[in-house]
């Protein structure tokens, strides 16, 4: 069987979507040979990749189970979390920004969204497209999933951008930033500091061993314009994947010193 493939003109690489040999009705999106996203078309509420599962756990804390939310996805991938939100909170209004028009088209053709999904797509730079959205739009969740490795776009990896994102949050909303980094965690450190400049409360969530800074991996940074709620850290740790650690408040000094 031929593997669906699409050449992405902006980045000059190929994207492929292959069946997951271990899970029926599941597929893996790869870009330039590197796995990027996992989608289960029959059970979109099941989020397989660890870092995406952690973001999903944070989304679940924003409002009570099943209640609609508004979400902005900066970096679309295979729209795994957009599918999750529709599956768990049907009728939520979502926006997705992706630099590669070809990727959005490819994913939505090969892996159709669940029926009833309200997803508005925008092609362009994440910061520019967010700024172009109507000023009255406020989001319960903003997800930034663009950084990969120690290099990151300078205009996104800065306190100024995080201030702009914070201004688009609804009361009680959360900015979730996926930071993939190498041992030493220089990018995690710089982004934690930048978010602390821009937002009232910040937390870091990830696999416990990563906080030693000796291993590569993904840390989820969570920012709010309000104080960090009592019980959220324990809820995130309990939700897993295990073993999990959440650093908030003065505990974040472990990442910023």
Protein backbone atom coordinates (compact mmCIF):
# COMPACT_ATOMS: atom_id res chain seq x y z
CA UNK A 1 0.00 0.00 0.00
CA UNK A 2 1.34 3.41 -0.97
CA UNK A 3 2.16 5.72 1.96
CA UNK A 4 0.50 9.14 1.62
CA UNK A 5 3.18 11.80 1.15
CA UNK A 6 3.21 15.55 0.55
CA UNK A 7 6.08 17.89 -0.32
CA UNK A 8 6.04 20.95 1.96
CA UNK A 9 7.16 23.90 -0.12
CA UNK A 10 7.90 26.31 2.71
CA UNK A 11 10.37 24.03 4.48
CA UNK A 12 11.41 21.95 1.46
CA UNK A 13 10.82 18.56 3.09
CA UNK A 14 8.30 15.73 2.75
CA UNK A 15 5.52 14.81 5.17
CA UNK A 16 4.16 11.27 5.37
CA UNK A 17 1.24 9.65 7.16
CA UNK A 18 1.61 5.96 7.96
CA UNK A 19 -0.62 3.49 9.81
CA UNK A 20 0.49 2.72 13.35
CA UNK A 21 1.26 -1.02 13.24
CA UNK A 22 0.40 -1.41 16.94
CA UNK A 23 -2.95 0.38 17.10
CA UNK A 24 -5.91 -0.09 14.78
CA UNK A 25 -7.27 3.13 13.23
CA UNK A 26 -4.19 5.10 14.37
CA UNK A 27 -1.71 6.97 12.20
CA UNK A 28 1.65 8.68 12.57
CA UNK A 29 2.60 11.94 10.87
CA UNK A 30 6.30 12.25 10.09
CA UNK A 31 8.09 15.27 8.65
CA UNK A 32 11.47 14.82 6.99
CA UNK A 33 11.57 11.31 8.45
CA UNK A 34 10.99 12.39 12.08
CA UNK A 35 7.77 11.38 13.85
CA UNK A 36 5.74 14.45 14.76
CA UNK A 37 2.19 13.45 15.71
CA UNK A 38 -0.02 10.46 16.44
CA UNK A 39 -3.75 10.32 15.76
CA UNK A 40 -6.36 7.70 16.63
CA UNK A 41 -9.30 8.38 14.32
CA UNK A 42 -11.70 6.13 16.22
CA UNK A 43 -10.68 7.27 19.71
CA UNK A 44 -9.35 10.85 19.44
CA UNK A 45 -9.63 11.25 23.21
CA UNK A 46 -6.71 8.81 23.50
CA UNK A 47 -3.50 10.86 23.22
CA UNK A 48 -0.50 8.60 22.69
CA UNK A 49 2.52 10.92 22.74
CA UNK A 50 3.60 11.78 26.27
CA UNK A 51 4.04 15.54 25.88
CA UNK A 52 0.69 15.93 24.13
CA UNK A 53 -0.98 13.90 26.87
CA UNK A 54 0.42 16.33 29.44
CA UNK A 55 -0.98 19.31 27.54
CA UNK A 56 -4.33 17.50 27.35
CA UNK A 57 -4.22 17.06 31.12
CA UNK A 58 -3.71 20.80 31.55
CA UNK A 59 -6.61 21.54 29.19
CA UNK A 60 -8.83 19.36 31.36
CA UNK A 61 -8.19 21.61 34.38
CA UNK A 62 -9.29 24.85 32.72
CA UNK A 63 -13.03 24.19 32.84
CA UNK A 64 -15.30 21.42 34.17
CA UNK A 65 -15.58 18.19 32.19
CA UNK A 66 -17.45 18.53 28.93
CA UNK A 67 -17.77 22.32 29.04
CA UNK A 68 -16.98 24.17 25.82
CA UNK A 69 -13.68 26.02 25.55
CA UNK A 70 -12.04 28.29 23.01
CA UNK A 71 -8.59 27.13 21.89
CA UNK A 72 -5.77 28.52 19.77
CA UNK A 73 -3.20 26.08 18.37
CA UNK A 74 0.05 27.70 17.26
CA UNK A 75 1.61 24.90 15.23
CA UNK A 76 -0.94 22.43 13.93
CA UNK A 77 0.86 19.12 13.36
CA UNK A 78 -1.76 16.43 12.86
CA UNK A 79 -4.26 18.42 14.96
CA UNK A 80 -4.13 15.80 17.70
CA UNK A 81 -5.16 18.19 20.46
CA UNK A 82 -7.86 19.83 18.33
CA UNK A 83 -9.34 16.35 17.91
CA UNK A 84 -9.00 15.71 21.65
CA UNK A 85 -10.82 18.92 22.53
CA UNK A 86 -13.67 18.11 20.15
CA UNK A 87 -13.93 14.57 21.54
CA UNK A 88 -13.98 15.66 25.18
CA UNK A 89 -15.69 19.06 24.81
CA UNK A 90 -17.90 18.87 21.70
CA UNK A 91 -18.75 22.17 20.09
CA UNK A 92 -15.67 24.00 21.33
CA UNK A 93 -14.49 26.78 19.00
CA UNK A 94 -10.90 26.34 17.89
CA UNK A 95 -8.33 28.13 15.74
CA UNK A 96 -5.15 26.59 14.32
CA UNK A 97 -2.18 28.46 12.87
CA UNK A 98 0.31 26.63 10.65
CA UNK A 99 3.15 28.02 8.56
CA UNK A 100 2.83 25.23 5.98
CA UNK A 101 -0.42 25.40 4.03
CA UNK A 102 0.48 22.08 2.43
CA UNK A 103 0.69 20.39 5.83
CA UNK A 104 -2.74 21.59 6.91
CA UNK A 105 -4.30 20.44 3.64
CA UNK A 106 -2.49 17.10 3.74
CA UNK A 107 -3.53 16.32 7.32
CA UNK A 108 -7.15 17.31 6.88
CA UNK A 109 -7.47 15.31 3.66
CA UNK A 110 -5.75 12.15 4.92
CA UNK A 111 -7.01 12.28 8.52
CA UNK A 112 -10.44 13.95 8.53
CA UNK A 113 -11.48 15.80 11.67
CA UNK A 114 -14.30 14.40 13.83
CA UNK A 115 -17.79 15.36 12.73
CA UNK A 116 -18.91 18.64 14.25
CA UNK A 117 -15.41 20.05 14.79
CA UNK A 118 -15.39 23.85 14.66
CA UNK A 119 -11.83 24.61 13.56
CA UNK A 120 -10.77 27.82 11.84
CA UNK A 121 -7.41 27.44 10.08
CA UNK A 122 -4.88 30.20 9.44
CA UNK A 123 -1.73 29.94 7.32
CA UNK A 124 1.27 32.03 8.30
CA UNK A 125 3.63 32.96 11.11
CA UNK A 126 2.29 32.14 14.58
CA UNK A 127 2.92 35.58 16.08
CA UNK A 128 1.60 37.50 13.09
CA UNK A 129 -1.52 35.36 12.72
CA UNK A 130 -2.33 35.57 16.43
CA UNK A 131 -2.04 39.36 16.26
CA UNK A 132 -4.35 39.43 13.22
CA UNK A 133 -7.19 37.63 15.01
CA UNK A 134 -10.11 39.85 16.09
CA UNK A 135 -9.27 41.68 19.31
CA UNK A 136 -12.46 40.48 20.99
CA UNK A 137 -11.36 36.84 20.67
CA UNK A 138 -10.13 35.45 23.96
CA UNK A 139 -8.96 31.89 24.46
CA UNK A 140 -9.27 29.49 27.37
CA UNK A 141 -6.21 27.64 26.05
CA UNK A 142 -3.36 28.74 23.80
CA UNK A 143 -0.97 25.96 22.77
CA UNK A 144 2.45 26.74 21.30
CA UNK A 145 3.99 23.61 19.78
CA UNK A 146 6.71 24.88 17.47
CA UNK A 147 10.02 24.66 19.35
CA UNK A 148 12.24 21.67 18.58
CA UNK A 149 15.67 21.24 20.11
CA UNK A 150 17.81 24.08 21.45
CA UNK A 151 17.06 26.35 18.47
CA UNK A 152 13.80 28.32 18.48
CA UNK A 153 12.47 31.25 16.45
CA UNK A 154 13.71 34.33 18.30
CA UNK A 155 10.49 36.29 17.76
CA UNK A 156 8.53 33.53 19.54
CA UNK A 157 11.05 32.59 22.23
CA UNK A 158 10.83 35.89 24.08
CA UNK A 159 8.92 37.67 26.83
CA UNK A 160 7.35 40.09 24.33
CA UNK A 161 5.61 37.26 22.50
CA UNK A 162 4.44 35.71 25.76
CA UNK A 163 2.95 39.05 26.81
CA UNK A 164 1.02 39.16 23.55
CA UNK A 165 -0.22 35.61 24.09
CA UNK A 166 -1.14 36.33 27.71
CA UNK A 167 -3.24 39.27 26.55
CA UNK A 168 -5.31 36.91 24.39
CA UNK A 169 -6.22 34.60 27.28
CA UNK A 170 -9.70 34.57 28.76
CA UNK A 171 -9.93 34.87 32.56
CA UNK A 172 -8.59 31.64 34.03
CA UNK A 173 -7.01 30.66 30.72
CA UNK A 174 -3.73 28.80 30.24
CA UNK A 175 -0.83 29.20 27.83
CA UNK A 176 0.82 25.80 27.26
CA UNK A 177 4.24 25.77 25.60
CA UNK A 178 5.95 22.57 24.51
CA UNK A 179 9.71 23.01 24.86
CA UNK A 180 11.83 20.23 23.41
CA UNK A 181 15.43 20.57 24.55
CA UNK A 182 18.82 18.90 24.83
CA UNK A 183 20.73 18.02 28.03
CA UNK A 184 21.47 21.18 29.98
CA UNK A 185 18.00 22.56 29.15
CA UNK A 186 19.21 26.00 28.07
CA UNK A 187 16.01 26.59 26.06
CA UNK A 188 13.77 25.39 28.90
CA UNK A 189 15.60 27.77 31.25
CA UNK A 190 15.36 30.76 28.93
CA UNK A 191 11.69 30.16 28.17
CA UNK A 192 10.79 29.72 31.83
CA UNK A 193 12.40 33.07 32.59
CA UNK A 194 10.68 34.72 29.62
CA UNK A 195 7.28 33.43 30.67
CA UNK A 196 7.87 34.55 34.24
CA UNK A 197 8.46 38.09 32.94
CA UNK A 198 5.17 38.01 31.04
CA UNK A 199 2.74 36.09 33.24
CA UNK A 200 1.69 36.05 36.87
CA UNK A 201 2.23 32.33 37.44
CA UNK A 202 4.26 29.71 35.61
CA UNK A 203 4.70 25.96 36.11
CA UNK A 204 6.83 23.30 34.45
CA UNK A 205 5.43 19.80 33.89
CA UNK A 206 7.27 16.75 32.61
CA UNK A 207 8.80 13.35 33.23
CA UNK A 208 10.55 13.43 36.59
CA UNK A 209 14.01 12.43 35.35
CA UNK A 210 14.12 15.34 32.91
CA UNK A 211 14.40 17.86 35.72
CA UNK A 212 17.96 16.62 36.37
CA UNK A 213 18.79 18.34 33.03
CA UNK A 214 20.89 15.33 32.04
CA UNK A 215 18.56 13.97 29.36
CA UNK A 216 16.88 15.34 26.23
CA UNK A 217 13.13 15.61 26.28
CA UNK A 218 10.02 17.76 26.39
CA UNK A 219 8.96 20.03 29.23
CA UNK A 220 5.52 21.65 29.17
CA UNK A 221 5.51 25.21 30.49
CA UNK A 222 2.13 26.44 31.71
CA UNK A 223 1.44 30.14 32.19
CA UNK A 224 -1.54 31.98 33.70
CA UNK A 225 -2.49 35.58 34.32
CA UNK A 226 -3.89 34.54 37.70
CA UNK A 227 -2.24 32.73 40.64
CA UNK A 228 -1.45 29.05 40.22
CA UNK A 229 -4.52 27.23 41.60
CA UNK A 230 -4.31 25.08 44.70
CA UNK A 231 -4.48 21.42 43.73
CA UNK A 232 -3.45 21.82 40.10
CA UNK A 233 0.08 20.53 40.60
CA UNK A 234 -1.14 17.38 42.34
CA UNK A 235 -3.86 16.86 39.74
CA UNK A 236 -1.31 17.02 36.91
CA UNK A 237 1.09 14.67 38.69
CA UNK A 238 -1.74 12.21 39.34
CA UNK A 239 -2.89 12.36 35.71
CA UNK A 240 0.52 11.23 34.48
CA UNK A 241 2.09 9.87 32.40
CA UNK A 242 4.15 8.57 35.31
CA UNK A 243 6.49 9.41 36.88
CA UNK A 244 5.62 13.10 36.61
CA UNK A 245 6.84 16.26 38.31
CA UNK A 246 5.33 19.76 38.43
CA UNK A 247 7.43 22.73 39.53
CA UNK A 248 5.65 25.99 40.37
CA UNK A 249 6.38 29.06 42.48
CA UNK A 250 9.77 29.06 44.14
CA UNK A 251 10.33 25.45 43.04
CA UNK A 252 10.94 26.83 39.54
CA UNK A 253 14.29 28.13 40.79
CA UNK A 254 15.55 24.64 39.87
CA UNK A 255 15.13 25.60 36.20
CA UNK A 256 16.15 29.25 36.29
CA UNK A 257 19.37 29.23 38.33
